[in-house]
C-alpha atoms as a PDB file:
ATOM      1  CA  UNK A   1     -22.087 -85.774  49.513  1.00  0.00           C
ATOM      2  CA  UNK A   2     -24.186 -88.564  48.095  1.00  0.00           C
ATOM      3  CA  UNK A   3     -23.959 -89.115  44.346  1.00  0.00           C
ATOM      4  CA  UNK A   4     -27.312 -89.228  42.612  1.00  0.00           C
ATOM      5  CA  UNK A   5     -27.998 -90.913  39.273  1.00  0.00           C
ATOM      6  CA  UNK A   6     -28.231 -87.553  37.492  1.00  0.00           C
ATOM      7  CA  UNK A   7     -24.809 -86.557  38.858  1.00  0.00           C
ATOM      8  CA  UNK A   8     -23.337 -89.947  37.917  1.00  0.00           C
ATOM      9  CA  UNK A   9     -24.624 -89.430  34.366  1.00  0.00           C
ATOM     10  CA  UNK A  10     -23.065 -85.958  34.288  1.00  0.00           C
ATOM     11  CA  UNK A  11     -19.726 -87.382  35.458  1.00  0.00           C
ATOM     12  CA  UNK A  12     -20.054 -90.088  32.786  1.00  0.00           C
ATOM     13  CA  UNK A  13     -20.608 -87.359  30.178  1.00  0.00           C
ATOM     14  CA  UNK A  14     -17.369 -85.682  31.268  1.00  0.00           C
ATOM     15  CA  UNK A  15     -15.556 -89.045  31.160  1.00  0.00           C
ATOM     16  CA  UNK A  16     -16.768 -89.522  27.579  1.00  0.00           C
ATOM     17  CA  UNK A  17     -14.939 -86.365  26.501  1.00  0.00           C
ATOM     18  CA  UNK A  18     -11.373 -87.792  26.413  1.00  0.00           C
ATOM     19  CA  UNK A  19     -12.757 -90.985  24.877  1.00  0.00           C
ATOM     20  CA  UNK A  20     -14.379 -88.989  22.083  1.00  0.00           C
ATOM     21  CA  UNK A  21     -11.181 -86.973  21.515  1.00  0.00           C
ATOM     22  CA  UNK A  22      -9.125 -90.176  21.368  1.00  0.00           C
ATOM     23  CA  UNK A  23     -11.524 -91.781  18.912  1.00  0.00           C
ATOM     24  CA  UNK A  24     -11.618 -88.585  16.833  1.00  0.00           C
ATOM     25  CA  UNK A  25      -7.845 -88.776  16.352  1.00  0.00           C
ATOM     26  CA  UNK A  26      -7.578 -92.587  16.194  1.00  0.00           C
ATOM     27  CA  UNK A  27      -7.731 -92.685  12.412  1.00  0.00           C
ATOM     28  CA  UNK A  28      -9.330 -96.112  12.096  1.00  0.00           C
ATOM     29  CA  UNK A  29     -12.028 -96.742   9.487  1.00  0.00           C
ATOM     30  CA  UNK A  30     -15.293 -95.500  11.005  1.00  0.00           C
ATOM     31  CA  UNK A  31     -13.633 -93.305  13.660  1.00  0.00           C
ATOM     32  CA  UNK A  32     -15.815 -90.412  12.500  1.00  0.00           C
ATOM     33  CA  UNK A  33     -18.965 -92.471  13.072  1.00  0.00           C
ATOM     34  CA  UNK A  34     -17.725 -93.638  16.486  1.00  0.00           C
ATOM     35  CA  UNK A  35     -16.909 -90.056  17.534  1.00  0.00           C
ATOM     36  CA  UNK A  36     -20.370 -88.918  16.411  1.00  0.00           C
ATOM     37  CA  UNK A  37     -22.010 -91.768  18.366  1.00  0.00           C
ATOM     38  CA  UNK A  38     -19.994 -90.939  21.502  1.00  0.00           C
ATOM     39  CA  UNK A  39     -20.952 -87.255  21.240  1.00  0.00           C
ATOM     40  CA  UNK A  40     -24.605 -88.218  20.723  1.00  0.00           C
ATOM     41  CA  UNK A  41     -24.456 -90.558  23.742  1.00  0.00           C
ATOM     42  CA  UNK A  42     -23.120 -87.661  25.805  1.00  0.00           C
ATOM     43  CA  UNK A  43     -25.976 -85.463  24.558  1.00  0.00           C
ATOM     44  CA  UNK A  44     -28.505 -88.136  25.513  1.00  0.00           C
ATOM     45  CA  UNK A  45     -27.037 -88.344  29.030  1.00  0.00           C
ATOM     46  CA  UNK A  46     -27.518 -84.561  29.259  1.00  0.00           C
ATOM     47  CA  UNK A  47     -31.226 -84.975  28.580  1.00  0.00           C
ATOM     48  CA  UNK A  48     -31.482 -88.072  30.782  1.00  0.00           C
ATOM     49  CA  UNK A  49     -29.795 -86.550  33.842  1.00  0.00           C
ATOM     50  CA  UNK A  50     -32.185 -83.594  33.721  1.00  0.00           C
ATOM     51  CA  UNK A  51     -35.174 -85.895  33.311  1.00  0.00           C
ATOM     52  CA  UNK A  52     -34.109 -88.078  36.255  1.00  0.00           C
ATOM     53  CA  UNK A  53     -33.380 -85.071  38.468  1.00  0.00           C
ATOM     54  CA  UNK A  54     -36.869 -83.658  37.828  1.00  0.00           C
ATOM     55  CA  UNK A  55     -38.733 -86.982  37.872  1.00  0.00           C
ATOM     56  CA  UNK A  56     -37.204 -88.295  41.099  1.00  0.00           C
ATOM     57  CA  UNK A  57     -36.409 -84.945  42.717  1.00  0.00           C
ATOM     58  CA  UNK A  58     -32.706 -85.810  42.782  1.00  0.00           C
ATOM     59  CA  UNK A  59     -31.237 -82.325  42.681  1.00  0.00           C
ATOM     60  CA  UNK A  60     -27.892 -81.547  44.226  1.00  0.00           C
ATOM     61  CA  UNK A  61     -25.771 -78.423  44.361  1.00  0.00           C
ATOM     62  CA  UNK A  62     -22.830 -80.336  42.936  1.00  0.00           C
ATOM     63  CA  UNK A  63     -24.976 -81.614  40.053  1.00  0.00           C
ATOM     64  CA  UNK A  64     -26.373 -78.139  39.388  1.00  0.00           C
ATOM     65  CA  UNK A  65     -22.812 -76.835  39.129  1.00  0.00           C
ATOM     66  CA  UNK A  66     -21.420 -79.750  37.121  1.00  0.00           C
ATOM     67  CA  UNK A  67     -24.174 -80.173  34.510  1.00  0.00           C
ATOM     68  CA  UNK A  68     -23.624 -76.904  32.609  1.00  0.00           C
ATOM     69  CA  UNK A  69     -19.843 -77.355  32.888  1.00  0.00           C
ATOM     70  CA  UNK A  70     -20.104 -80.782  31.250  1.00  0.00           C
ATOM     71  CA  UNK A  71     -22.342 -79.415  28.488  1.00  0.00           C
ATOM     72  CA  UNK A  72     -20.041 -76.534  27.661  1.00  0.00           C
ATOM     73  CA  UNK A  73     -16.922 -78.712  27.772  1.00  0.00           C
ATOM     74  CA  UNK A  74     -18.379 -81.216  25.299  1.00  0.00           C
ATOM     75  CA  UNK A  75     -19.512 -78.541  22.850  1.00  0.00           C
ATOM     76  CA  UNK A  76     -16.394 -76.341  23.086  1.00  0.00           C
ATOM     77  CA  UNK A  77     -13.843 -79.161  22.840  1.00  0.00           C
ATOM     78  CA  UNK A  78     -15.700 -80.782  19.945  1.00  0.00           C
ATOM     79  CA  UNK A  79     -15.931 -77.487  18.071  1.00  0.00           C
ATOM     80  CA  UNK A  80     -12.182 -76.967  18.572  1.00  0.00           C
ATOM     81  CA  UNK A  81     -11.550 -80.440  17.119  1.00  0.00           C
ATOM     82  CA  UNK A  82     -13.784 -79.753  14.143  1.00  0.00           C
ATOM     83  CA  UNK A  83     -12.173 -76.381  13.391  1.00  0.00           C
ATOM     84  CA  UNK A  84      -8.706 -77.925  13.662  1.00  0.00           C
ATOM     85  CA  UNK A  85      -9.686 -80.651  11.184  1.00  0.00           C
ATOM     86  CA  UNK A  86     -11.658 -78.322   8.854  1.00  0.00           C
ATOM     87  CA  UNK A  87     -10.153 -74.845   9.223  1.00  0.00           C
ATOM     88  CA  UNK A  88     -12.710 -72.987   7.135  1.00  0.00           C
ATOM     89  CA  UNK A  89     -13.330 -69.348   8.041  1.00  0.00           C
ATOM     90  CA  UNK A  90     -17.076 -69.983   8.382  1.00  0.00           C
ATOM     91  CA  UNK A  91     -16.634 -72.905  10.776  1.00  0.00           C
ATOM     92  CA  UNK A  92     -14.095 -70.933  12.825  1.00  0.00           C
ATOM     93  CA  UNK A  93     -16.353 -67.873  13.072  1.00  0.00           C
ATOM     94  CA  UNK A  94     -19.532 -69.726  14.052  1.00  0.00           C
ATOM     95  CA  UNK A  95     -17.581 -71.846  16.547  1.00  0.00           C
ATOM     96  CA  UNK A  96     -16.098 -68.696  18.091  1.00  0.00           C
ATOM     97  CA  UNK A  97     -19.586 -67.187  18.332  1.00  0.00           C
ATOM     98  CA  UNK A  98     -20.947 -70.282  20.072  1.00  0.00           C
ATOM     99  CA  UNK A  99     -18.040 -70.653  22.518  1.00  0.00           C
ATOM    100  CA  UNK A 100     -17.895 -66.896  23.163  1.00  0.00           C
ATOM    101  CA  UNK A 101     -21.612 -66.748  23.932  1.00  0.00           C
ATOM    102  CA  UNK A 102     -21.320 -69.702  26.311  1.00  0.00           C
ATOM    103  CA  UNK A 103     -18.521 -67.986  28.221  1.00  0.00           C
ATOM    104  CA  UNK A 104     -20.352 -64.646  28.295  1.00  0.00           C
ATOM    105  CA  UNK A 105     -23.676 -66.098  29.454  1.00  0.00           C
ATOM    106  CA  UNK A 106     -21.966 -68.253  32.087  1.00  0.00           C
ATOM    107  CA  UNK A 107     -20.265 -65.128  33.426  1.00  0.00           C
ATOM    108  CA  UNK A 108     -23.575 -63.240  33.293  1.00  0.00           C
ATOM    109  CA  UNK A 109     -25.346 -65.985  35.256  1.00  0.00           C
ATOM    110  CA  UNK A 110     -22.568 -66.035  37.835  1.00  0.00           C
ATOM    111  CA  UNK A 111     -22.736 -62.273  38.259  1.00  0.00           C
ATOM    112  CA  UNK A 112     -26.540 -62.298  38.438  1.00  0.00           C
ATOM    113  CA  UNK A 113     -26.387 -64.989  41.130  1.00  0.00           C
ATOM    114  CA  UNK A 114     -23.863 -62.877  43.021  1.00  0.00           C
ATOM    115  CA  UNK A 115     -26.259 -59.916  43.122  1.00  0.00           C
ATOM    116  CA  UNK A 116     -29.224 -62.156  43.995  1.00  0.00           C
ATOM    117  CA  UNK A 117     -30.970 -61.941  40.614  1.00  0.00           C
ATOM    118  CA  UNK A 118     -30.140 -65.342  39.074  1.00  0.00           C
ATOM    119  CA  UNK A 119     -33.823 -66.026  38.422  1.00  0.00           C
ATOM    120  CA  UNK A 120     -33.823 -63.373  35.712  1.00  0.00           C
ATOM    121  CA  UNK A 121     -31.431 -65.411  33.534  1.00  0.00           C
ATOM    122  CA  UNK A 122     -32.685 -68.957  33.918  1.00  0.00           C
ATOM    123  CA  UNK A 123     -32.667 -71.303  30.931  1.00  0.00           C
ATOM    124  CA  UNK A 124     -35.423 -70.507  28.437  1.00  0.00           C
ATOM    125  CA  UNK A 125     -36.987 -72.596  25.662  1.00  0.00           C
ATOM    126  CA  UNK A 126     -34.935 -70.746  23.031  1.00  0.00           C
ATOM    127  CA  UNK A 127     -31.772 -71.888  24.810  1.00  0.00           C
ATOM    128  CA  UNK A 128     -32.986 -75.490  24.679  1.00  0.00           C
ATOM    129  CA  UNK A 129     -33.745 -75.212  20.954  1.00  0.00           C
ATOM    130  CA  UNK A 130     -30.275 -73.710  20.435  1.00  0.00           C
ATOM    131  CA  UNK A 131     -28.729 -76.655  22.272  1.00  0.00           C
ATOM    132  CA  UNK A 132     -30.597 -79.214  20.160  1.00  0.00           C
ATOM    133  CA  UNK A 133     -29.516 -77.442  16.963  1.00  0.00           C
ATOM    134  CA  UNK A 134     -25.893 -77.404  18.159  1.00  0.00           C
ATOM    135  CA  UNK A 135     -26.027 -81.126  18.936  1.00  0.00           C
ATOM    136  CA  UNK A 136     -27.506 -82.022  15.546  1.00  0.00           C
ATOM    137  CA  UNK A 137     -24.980 -79.822  13.719  1.00  0.00           C
ATOM    138  CA  UNK A 138     -22.020 -81.235  15.645  1.00  0.00           C
ATOM    139  CA  UNK A 139     -23.109 -84.838  15.122  1.00  0.00           C
ATOM    140  CA  UNK A 140     -23.410 -84.190  11.366  1.00  0.00           C
ATOM    141  CA  UNK A 141     -20.000 -82.468  11.328  1.00  0.00           C
ATOM    142  CA  UNK A 142     -18.379 -85.343  13.217  1.00  0.00           C
ATOM    143  CA  UNK A 143     -19.947 -87.861  10.848  1.00  0.00           C
ATOM    144  CA  UNK A 144     -18.938 -85.923   7.668  1.00  0.00           C
ATOM    145  CA  UNK A 145     -19.630 -88.625   5.129  1.00  0.00           C
ATOM    146  CA  UNK A 146     -19.000 -88.037   1.432  1.00  0.00           C
ATOM    147  CA  UNK A 147     -21.167 -89.642  -1.207  1.00  0.00           C
ATOM    148  CA  UNK A 148     -21.635 -88.852  -4.900  1.00  0.00           C
ATOM    149  CA  UNK A 149     -20.008 -85.434  -4.615  1.00  0.00           C
ATOM    150  CA  UNK A 150     -22.215 -84.378  -1.695  1.00  0.00           C
ATOM    151  CA  UNK A 151     -20.500 -83.741   1.621  1.00  0.00           C
ATOM    152  CA  UNK A 152     -22.518 -83.800   4.798  1.00  0.00           C
ATOM    153  CA  UNK A 153     -19.925 -81.378   6.125  1.00  0.00           C
ATOM    154  CA  UNK A 154     -21.692 -78.566   4.255  1.00  0.00           C
ATOM    155  CA  UNK A 155     -25.031 -79.566   5.798  1.00  0.00           C
ATOM    156  CA  UNK A 156     -23.440 -79.624   9.255  1.00  0.00           C
ATOM    157  CA  UNK A 157     -21.792 -76.271   8.652  1.00  0.00           C
ATOM    158  CA  UNK A 158     -25.141 -74.764   7.578  1.00  0.00           C
ATOM    159  CA  UNK A 159     -26.838 -76.229  10.661  1.00  0.00           C
ATOM    160  CA  UNK A 160     -24.070 -74.768  12.827  1.00  0.00           C
ATOM    161  CA  UNK A 161     -24.711 -71.345  11.262  1.00  0.00           C
ATOM    162  CA  UNK A 162     -28.364 -71.702  12.304  1.00  0.00           C
ATOM    163  CA  UNK A 163     -27.199 -72.765  15.783  1.00  0.00           C
ATOM    164  CA  UNK A 164     -24.921 -69.698  15.957  1.00  0.00           C
ATOM    165  CA  UNK A 165     -27.838 -67.443  14.986  1.00  0.00           C
ATOM    166  CA  UNK A 166     -29.957 -69.039  17.740  1.00  0.00           C
ATOM    167  CA  UNK A 167     -26.987 -68.647  20.069  1.00  0.00           C
ATOM    168  CA  UNK A 168     -26.848 -64.908  19.393  1.00  0.00           C
ATOM    169  CA  UNK A 169     -30.635 -64.576  19.723  1.00  0.00           C
ATOM    170  CA  UNK A 170     -30.818 -66.459  23.024  1.00  0.00           C
ATOM    171  CA  UNK A 171     -27.777 -64.566  24.321  1.00  0.00           C
ATOM    172  CA  UNK A 172     -29.484 -61.270  23.537  1.00  0.00           C
ATOM    173  CA  UNK A 173     -32.609 -62.522  25.354  1.00  0.00           C
ATOM    174  CA  UNK A 174     -30.506 -63.227  28.448  1.00  0.00           C
ATOM    175  CA  UNK A 175     -28.867 -59.801  28.219  1.00  0.00           C
ATOM    176  CA  UNK A 176     -32.256 -58.115  27.817  1.00  0.00           C
ATOM    177  CA  UNK A 177     -33.555 -59.933  30.912  1.00  0.00           C
ATOM    178  CA  UNK A 178     -30.442 -58.967  32.876  1.00  0.00           C
ATOM    179  CA  UNK A 179     -30.234 -55.378  31.611  1.00  0.00           C
ATOM    180  CA  UNK A 180     -32.296 -53.771  34.414  1.00  0.00           C
ATOM    181  CA  UNK A 181     -29.997 -55.365  37.005  1.00  0.00           C
ATOM    182  CA  UNK A 182     -26.920 -54.369  35.025  1.00  0.00           C
ATOM    183  CA  UNK A 183     -28.136 -50.759  34.925  1.00  0.00           C
ATOM    184  CA  UNK A 184     -28.906 -50.863  38.630  1.00  0.00           C
ATOM    185  CA  UNK A 185     -32.693 -50.601  38.103  1.00  0.00           C
ATOM    186  CA  UNK A 186     -33.386 -53.982  39.681  1.00  0.00           C
ATOM    187  CA  UNK A 187     -32.654 -54.299  43.393  1.00  0.00           C
ATOM    188  CA  UNK A 188     -31.039 -57.578  44.489  1.00  0.00           C
ATOM    189  CA  UNK A 189     -33.528 -60.055  45.877  1.00  0.00           C
END
């Protein structure tokens, strides 16, 4: 197997995960900013690896498997860190919704691929918008700066609520697309 630049970027994104966790817990002045920058860098590599794969036709089966794993790992682990640091019921609920949807849709895609109908649940624009909203919300939550009685945490939490709503909406879109196959109305291709 030859490693392509998109796959190298995906592996780099996974390698950033323990770095971000370490920085998150490091406790030095500005650790929150550093963790937010590392998470944002990982998000940029997600966009860049997809761009390079399409632009230079550098697709690989390994990369196709690894890319969504890297994305879900970064989001899930970071949400767990944020809930542990800020155990508010709202943050816990929206984080559970986001992680639960990711697990459910990953399982749905795997099952649809198994029956030969993966094309029915490919990534849609709503899913991309949901991902961008999650990234923005998580970066704001990692940053969490306080100034003059205003906490960015509340802005990040509100953005994460919007991301959770988009998560539910896009998840329902995937379920609606898969429903004929789930009912047995759609023959495997």
